[in-house]
Amino acid sequence: MENISTFTKRRLQAEVINPIYEEIVKALGEDKAQSILGSAIRKDAMAAKKEFCLTEPGSITGLRSFIDLFEFWIEEHALEIQNHEESDAYFSFDVTHCQYVETFCDMGIANIDRLLFCSRDGVFCDKV
């Protein structure tokens, strides 16, 4: 899946994850299902970050690395943003359009869109 956009990758992952998530909700309830999914997505994001670290000088990531990777999140106009400030210590922007949210809403999974996509951001911003 390395040759496809992040947007397409997340959409394909959501198609697989959603039926599994729905079964977890039936068995354990919404709160527990969200907790399980959130934990699994964070672990996946951490693994992706560790892999990315291998490409960084000194294997150190942080906000600058996140900013550099951000271009992959906005491919295919998946995110449209208004940048306010960008530096090694601060990255401020407003999202003016989010195709991820629209797509997840169309798929009927708006209740887990933040878990599938947004929750990954913080993992990549933290220094390793």
N, C-alpha and C. Protein backbone atom coordinates (compact mmCIF):
# COMPACT_ATOMS: atom_id res chain seq x y z
N MET A 1 0.83 -1.20 0.00
CA MET A 1 0.00 0.00 0.00
C MET A 1 0.86 1.25 0.00
N GLU A 2 2.15 1.11 -0.20
CA GLU A 2 3.04 2.26 -0.18
C GLU A 2 2.83 3.20 -1.37
N ASN A 3 2.31 2.68 -2.49
CA ASN A 3 2.17 3.49 -3.69
C ASN A 3 0.82 4.16 -3.82
N ILE A 4 0.01 4.09 -2.80
CA ILE A 4 -1.28 4.78 -2.84
C ILE A 4 -1.28 5.92 -1.84
N SER A 5 -2.16 6.86 -2.05
CA SER A 5 -2.21 8.03 -1.18
C SER A 5 -2.69 7.66 0.21
N THR A 6 -2.36 8.50 1.16
CA THR A 6 -2.82 8.30 2.54
C THR A 6 -4.33 8.29 2.59
N PHE A 7 -4.97 9.18 1.84
CA PHE A 7 -6.43 9.24 1.81
C PHE A 7 -7.02 7.91 1.34
N THR A 8 -6.52 7.38 0.25
CA THR A 8 -7.01 6.11 -0.27
C THR A 8 -6.72 4.98 0.71
N LYS A 9 -5.55 5.00 1.32
CA LYS A 9 -5.19 3.98 2.30
C LYS A 9 -6.17 3.99 3.48
N ARG A 10 -6.48 5.19 4.01
CA ARG A 10 -7.39 5.28 5.15
C ARG A 10 -8.80 4.85 4.77
N ARG A 11 -9.23 5.17 3.55
CA ARG A 11 -10.57 4.75 3.10
C ARG A 11 -10.64 3.23 3.01
N LEU A 12 -9.61 2.61 2.44
CA LEU A 12 -9.59 1.15 2.32
C LEU A 12 -9.53 0.49 3.70
N GLN A 13 -8.73 1.06 4.60
CA GLN A 13 -8.67 0.52 5.96
C GLN A 13 -10.02 0.63 6.64
N ALA A 14 -10.71 1.75 6.44
CA ALA A 14 -12.02 1.94 7.06
C ALA A 14 -13.03 0.91 6.56
N GLU A 15 -12.95 0.55 5.29
CA GLU A 15 -13.86 -0.45 4.75
C GLU A 15 -13.68 -1.80 5.44
N VAL A 16 -12.45 -2.12 5.83
CA VAL A 16 -12.17 -3.38 6.52
C VAL A 16 -12.50 -3.26 8.00
N ILE A 17 -12.13 -2.14 8.59
CA ILE A 17 -12.29 -1.95 10.03
C ILE A 17 -13.76 -1.84 10.44
N ASN A 18 -14.58 -1.18 9.65
CA ASN A 18 -15.96 -0.90 10.06
C ASN A 18 -16.76 -2.14 10.41
N PRO A 19 -16.78 -3.19 9.60
CA PRO A 19 -17.57 -4.36 10.00
C PRO A 19 -17.03 -5.03 11.27
N ILE A 20 -15.73 -5.00 11.44
CA ILE A 20 -15.13 -5.55 12.66
C ILE A 20 -15.56 -4.71 13.86
N TYR A 21 -15.49 -3.39 13.69
CA TYR A 21 -15.89 -2.47 14.74
C TYR A 21 -17.36 -2.71 15.13
N GLU A 22 -18.22 -2.86 14.12
CA GLU A 22 -19.64 -3.08 14.40
C GLU A 22 -19.87 -4.35 15.21
N GLU A 23 -19.10 -5.39 14.94
CA GLU A 23 -19.22 -6.63 15.72
C GLU A 23 -18.74 -6.43 17.16
N ILE A 24 -17.69 -5.65 17.33
CA ILE A 24 -17.20 -5.36 18.69
C ILE A 24 -18.26 -4.57 19.46
N VAL A 25 -18.92 -3.62 18.78
CA VAL A 25 -19.99 -2.84 19.42
C VAL A 25 -21.10 -3.78 19.87
N LYS A 26 -21.51 -4.71 19.02
CA LYS A 26 -22.57 -5.66 19.37
C LYS A 26 -22.19 -6.50 20.58
N ALA A 27 -20.93 -6.91 20.62
CA ALA A 27 -20.49 -7.81 21.69
C ALA A 27 -20.17 -7.09 22.99
N LEU A 28 -19.59 -5.87 22.88
CA LEU A 28 -19.06 -5.22 24.07
C LEU A 28 -19.60 -3.82 24.34
N GLY A 29 -20.33 -3.26 23.39
CA GLY A 29 -20.85 -1.91 23.57
C GLY A 29 -19.95 -0.87 22.91
N GLU A 30 -20.55 0.30 22.69
CA GLU A 30 -19.88 1.40 21.96
C GLU A 30 -18.62 1.89 22.67
N ASP A 31 -18.69 2.13 23.97
CA ASP A 31 -17.53 2.66 24.68
C ASP A 31 -16.33 1.73 24.60
N LYS A 32 -16.56 0.45 24.84
CA LYS A 32 -15.48 -0.53 24.81
C LYS A 32 -14.94 -0.67 23.39
N ALA A 33 -15.83 -0.67 22.41
CA ALA A 33 -15.40 -0.78 21.01
C ALA A 33 -14.52 0.40 20.61
N GLN A 34 -14.92 1.60 21.03
CA GLN A 34 -14.11 2.78 20.71
C GLN A 34 -12.76 2.71 21.41
N SER A 35 -12.75 2.22 22.63
CA SER A 35 -11.49 2.08 23.36
C SER A 35 -10.56 1.09 22.66
N ILE A 36 -11.10 -0.05 22.25
CA ILE A 36 -10.30 -1.06 21.56
C ILE A 36 -9.78 -0.52 20.23
N LEU A 37 -10.65 0.09 19.45
CA LEU A 37 -10.24 0.63 18.16
C LEU A 37 -9.21 1.73 18.34
N GLY A 38 -9.45 2.62 19.29
CA GLY A 38 -8.50 3.71 19.54
C GLY A 38 -7.13 3.19 19.91
N SER A 39 -7.09 2.18 20.76
CA SER A 39 -5.81 1.59 21.16
C SER A 39 -5.10 0.94 19.97
N ALA A 40 -5.85 0.21 19.16
CA ALA A 40 -5.25 -0.45 17.99
C ALA A 40 -4.72 0.56 16.99
N ILE A 41 -5.45 1.64 16.76
CA ILE A 41 -5.01 2.66 15.80
C ILE A 41 -3.77 3.36 16.33
N ARG A 42 -3.73 3.68 17.63
CA ARG A 42 -2.53 4.31 18.21
C ARG A 42 -1.31 3.40 18.06
N LYS A 43 -1.49 2.11 18.32
CA LYS A 43 -0.38 1.16 18.17
C LYS A 43 0.09 1.10 16.71
N ASP A 44 -0.85 1.11 15.79
CA ASP A 44 -0.48 1.11 14.37
C ASP A 44 0.26 2.39 14.00
N ALA A 45 -0.21 3.52 14.52
CA ALA A 45 0.46 4.79 14.25
C ALA A 45 1.87 4.80 14.84
N MET A 46 2.02 4.24 16.03
CA MET A 46 3.35 4.16 16.64
C MET A 46 4.29 3.29 15.82
N ALA A 47 3.79 2.19 15.29
CA ALA A 47 4.61 1.32 14.44
C ALA A 47 5.00 2.05 13.16
N ALA A 48 4.07 2.78 12.59
CA ALA A 48 4.38 3.56 11.38
C ALA A 48 5.41 4.64 11.69
N LYS A 49 5.29 5.25 12.85
CA LYS A 49 6.24 6.28 13.24
C LYS A 49 7.64 5.68 13.43
N LYS A 50 7.71 4.52 14.07
CA LYS A 50 9.00 3.87 14.26
C LYS A 50 9.66 3.57 12.92
N GLU A 51 8.86 3.11 11.98
CA GLU A 51 9.39 2.84 10.64
C GLU A 51 9.87 4.13 9.99
N PHE A 52 9.09 5.20 10.16
CA PHE A 52 9.48 6.49 9.61
C PHE A 52 10.76 7.01 10.26
N CYS A 53 10.92 6.75 11.56
CA CYS A 53 12.10 7.20 12.29
C CYS A 53 13.38 6.69 11.65
N LEU A 54 13.32 5.51 11.08
CA LEU A 54 14.51 4.94 10.45
C LEU A 54 15.01 5.78 9.28
N THR A 55 14.12 6.63 8.74
CA THR A 55 14.52 7.47 7.61
C THR A 55 14.99 8.86 8.05
N GLU A 56 14.82 9.18 9.31
CA GLU A 56 15.17 10.50 9.82
C GLU A 56 16.61 10.53 10.34
N PRO A 57 17.28 11.66 10.14
CA PRO A 57 18.65 11.80 10.68
C PRO A 57 18.64 11.59 12.20
N GLY A 58 19.47 10.69 12.66
CA GLY A 58 19.54 10.41 14.10
C GLY A 58 18.34 9.68 14.62
N SER A 59 17.45 9.24 13.73
CA SER A 59 16.21 8.53 14.11
C SER A 59 15.38 9.32 15.11
N ILE A 60 15.36 10.64 14.97
CA ILE A 60 14.60 11.51 15.87
C ILE A 60 13.47 12.16 15.08
N THR A 61 12.27 12.06 15.61
CA THR A 61 11.13 12.73 15.00
C THR A 61 10.56 13.74 15.98
N GLY A 62 9.70 14.57 15.47
CA GLY A 62 9.04 15.56 16.28
C GLY A 62 8.11 16.37 15.40
N LEU A 63 7.82 17.55 15.80
CA LEU A 63 6.88 18.39 15.06
C LEU A 63 7.37 18.65 13.64
N ARG A 64 8.65 18.91 13.46
CA ARG A 64 9.18 19.18 12.11
C ARG A 64 8.94 17.97 11.21
N SER A 65 9.13 16.78 11.73
CA SER A 65 8.88 15.57 10.95
C SER A 65 7.41 15.48 10.56
N PHE A 66 6.54 15.80 11.51
CA PHE A 66 5.11 15.78 11.22
C PHE A 66 4.78 16.78 10.10
N ILE A 67 5.35 17.96 10.19
CA ILE A 67 5.11 18.98 9.17
C ILE A 67 5.58 18.47 7.80
N ASP A 68 6.75 17.85 7.79
CA ASP A 68 7.27 17.32 6.53
C ASP A 68 6.38 16.21 5.96
N LEU A 69 5.80 15.41 6.83
CA LEU A 69 4.91 14.33 6.40
C LEU A 69 3.52 14.82 6.01
N PHE A 70 3.17 16.01 6.45
CA PHE A 70 1.82 16.52 6.28
C PHE A 70 1.39 16.54 4.82
N GLU A 71 2.34 16.67 3.90
CA GLU A 71 2.01 16.68 2.47
C GLU A 71 1.28 15.40 2.06
N PHE A 72 1.57 14.28 2.74
CA PHE A 72 0.89 13.04 2.40
C PHE A 72 -0.56 13.03 2.84
N TRP A 73 -0.87 13.75 3.90
CA TRP A 73 -2.25 13.83 4.39
C TRP A 73 -3.12 14.70 3.49
N ILE A 74 -2.52 15.65 2.79
CA ILE A 74 -3.31 16.58 1.99
C ILE A 74 -3.36 16.20 0.51
N GLU A 75 -2.67 15.12 0.13
CA GLU A 75 -2.73 14.66 -1.26
C GLU A 75 -4.17 14.44 -1.69
N GLU A 76 -4.40 14.58 -2.98
CA GLU A 76 -5.74 14.40 -3.57
C GLU A 76 -6.74 15.40 -2.99
N HIS A 77 -6.26 16.50 -2.48
CA HIS A 77 -7.12 17.53 -1.85
C HIS A 77 -7.94 16.95 -0.71
N ALA A 78 -7.37 15.92 -0.05
CA ALA A 78 -8.08 15.28 1.06
C ALA A 78 -8.28 16.24 2.21
N LEU A 79 -7.33 17.13 2.42
CA LEU A 79 -7.45 18.20 3.41
C LEU A 79 -7.13 19.51 2.72
N GLU A 80 -7.93 20.47 2.98
CA GLU A 80 -7.61 21.83 2.56
C GLU A 80 -7.44 22.63 3.84
N ILE A 81 -6.33 23.33 3.92
CA ILE A 81 -6.00 24.04 5.16
C ILE A 81 -5.64 25.48 4.88
N GLN A 82 -5.78 26.28 5.92
CA GLN A 82 -5.29 27.66 5.92
C GLN A 82 -4.19 27.70 6.97
N ASN A 83 -2.96 27.83 6.51
CA ASN A 83 -1.81 27.86 7.40
C ASN A 83 -1.74 29.18 8.16
N HIS A 84 -1.44 29.12 9.45
CA HIS A 84 -1.25 30.32 10.25
C HIS A 84 0.21 30.50 10.63
N GLU A 85 0.82 29.42 11.14
CA GLU A 85 2.22 29.52 11.55
C GLU A 85 2.86 28.13 11.42
N GLU A 86 4.10 28.13 10.96
CA GLU A 86 4.84 26.89 10.81
C GLU A 86 6.29 27.11 11.20
N SER A 87 6.75 26.36 12.19
CA SER A 87 8.14 26.43 12.62
C SER A 87 8.50 25.08 13.23
N ASP A 88 9.73 24.94 13.67
CA ASP A 88 10.12 23.68 14.32
C ASP A 88 9.41 23.48 15.66
N ALA A 89 8.85 24.55 16.21
CA ALA A 89 8.21 24.46 17.52
C ALA A 89 6.69 24.64 17.48
N TYR A 90 6.14 25.08 16.34
CA TYR A 90 4.73 25.42 16.30
C TYR A 90 4.18 25.19 14.91
N PHE A 91 3.01 24.58 14.83
CA PHE A 91 2.33 24.36 13.55
C PHE A 91 0.86 24.65 13.78
N SER A 92 0.38 25.71 13.21
CA SER A 92 -1.00 26.15 13.43
C SER A 92 -1.70 26.32 12.09
N PHE A 93 -2.86 25.70 11.98
CA PHE A 93 -3.64 25.81 10.75
C PHE A 93 -5.11 25.52 11.05
N ASP A 94 -5.96 25.96 10.16
CA ASP A 94 -7.38 25.62 10.21
C ASP A 94 -7.67 24.69 9.05
N VAL A 95 -8.44 23.66 9.30
CA VAL A 95 -8.90 22.79 8.23
C VAL A 95 -10.16 23.43 7.65
N THR A 96 -10.11 23.76 6.37
CA THR A 96 -11.26 24.39 5.72
C THR A 96 -12.12 23.39 4.96
N HIS A 97 -11.54 22.22 4.67
CA HIS A 97 -12.29 21.14 4.03
C HIS A 97 -11.60 19.82 4.36
N CYS A 98 -12.39 18.81 4.72
CA CYS A 98 -11.82 17.52 5.08
C CYS A 98 -12.56 16.40 4.34
N GLN A 99 -11.90 15.89 3.32
CA GLN A 99 -12.48 14.80 2.54
C GLN A 99 -12.54 13.50 3.35
N TYR A 100 -11.64 13.36 4.32
CA TYR A 100 -11.68 12.19 5.19
C TYR A 100 -13.03 12.12 5.92
N VAL A 101 -13.41 13.22 6.55
CA VAL A 101 -14.68 13.25 7.29
C VAL A 101 -15.85 13.01 6.34
N GLU A 102 -15.84 13.67 5.19
CA GLU A 102 -16.94 13.49 4.24
C GLU A 102 -17.05 12.03 3.80
N THR A 103 -15.91 11.42 3.51
CA THR A 103 -15.91 10.03 3.06
C THR A 103 -16.39 9.10 4.17
N PHE A 104 -15.88 9.31 5.39
CA PHE A 104 -16.30 8.45 6.50
C PHE A 104 -17.78 8.65 6.80
N CYS A 105 -18.30 9.86 6.66
CA CYS A 105 -19.74 10.10 6.83
C CYS A 105 -20.53 9.34 5.76
N ASP A 106 -20.06 9.42 4.50
CA ASP A 106 -20.73 8.71 3.41
C ASP A 106 -20.72 7.20 3.65
N MET A 107 -19.68 6.70 4.32
CA MET A 107 -19.57 5.27 4.63
C MET A 107 -20.40 4.89 5.86
N GLY A 108 -20.97 5.89 6.54
CA GLY A 108 -21.76 5.63 7.73
C GLY A 108 -20.93 5.40 8.98
N ILE A 109 -19.71 5.89 8.99
CA ILE A 109 -18.84 5.67 10.16
C ILE A 109 -18.31 6.99 10.73
N ALA A 110 -19.14 8.01 10.69
CA ALA A 110 -18.73 9.30 11.23
C ALA A 110 -18.38 9.21 12.71
N ASN A 111 -18.94 8.26 13.41
CA ASN A 111 -18.70 8.13 14.86
C ASN A 111 -17.29 7.64 15.18
N ILE A 112 -16.56 7.14 14.19
CA ILE A 112 -15.19 6.68 14.45
C ILE A 112 -14.15 7.36 13.56
N ASP A 113 -14.54 8.41 12.85
CA ASP A 113 -13.60 9.07 11.95
C ASP A 113 -12.39 9.64 12.69
N ARG A 114 -12.60 10.20 13.87
CA ARG A 114 -11.47 10.76 14.62
C ARG A 114 -10.50 9.67 15.06
N LEU A 115 -11.04 8.48 15.33
CA LEU A 115 -10.17 7.36 15.72
C LEU A 115 -9.37 6.84 14.53
N LEU A 116 -10.00 6.79 13.36
CA LEU A 116 -9.35 6.25 12.18
C LEU A 116 -8.30 7.17 11.59
N PHE A 117 -8.48 8.45 11.75
CA PHE A 117 -7.57 9.39 11.10
C PHE A 117 -6.94 10.39 12.06
N CYS A 118 -7.72 11.21 12.69
CA CYS A 118 -7.20 12.32 13.49
C CYS A 118 -6.33 11.87 14.66
N SER A 119 -6.67 10.76 15.27
CA SER A 119 -5.93 10.33 16.45
C SER A 119 -4.48 9.96 16.13
N ARG A 120 -4.16 9.72 14.87
CA ARG A 120 -2.81 9.35 14.47
C ARG A 120 -1.86 10.55 14.53
N ASP A 121 -2.39 11.76 14.39
CA ASP A 121 -1.55 12.96 14.30
C ASP A 121 -0.64 13.15 15.52
N GLY A 122 -1.22 13.04 16.69
CA GLY A 122 -0.45 13.29 17.91
C GLY A 122 0.74 12.36 18.04
N VAL A 123 0.58 11.12 17.62
CA VAL A 123 1.66 10.16 17.68
C VAL A 123 2.86 10.64 16.86
N PHE A 124 2.58 11.19 15.70
CA PHE A 124 3.66 11.63 14.81
C PHE A 124 4.28 12.95 15.27
N CYS A 125 3.56 13.72 16.05
CA CYS A 125 4.09 15.02 16.53
C CYS A 125 5.06 14.84 17.68
N ASP A 126 4.89 13.80 18.48
CA ASP A 126 5.73 13.59 19.64
C ASP A 126 7.15 13.23 19.22
N LYS A 127 8.12 13.72 20.00
CA LYS A 127 9.51 13.34 19.76
C LYS A 127 9.74 11.92 20.20
N VAL A 128 10.62 11.26 19.47
CA VAL A 128 11.02 9.90 19.85
C VAL A 128 12.43 9.97 20.38
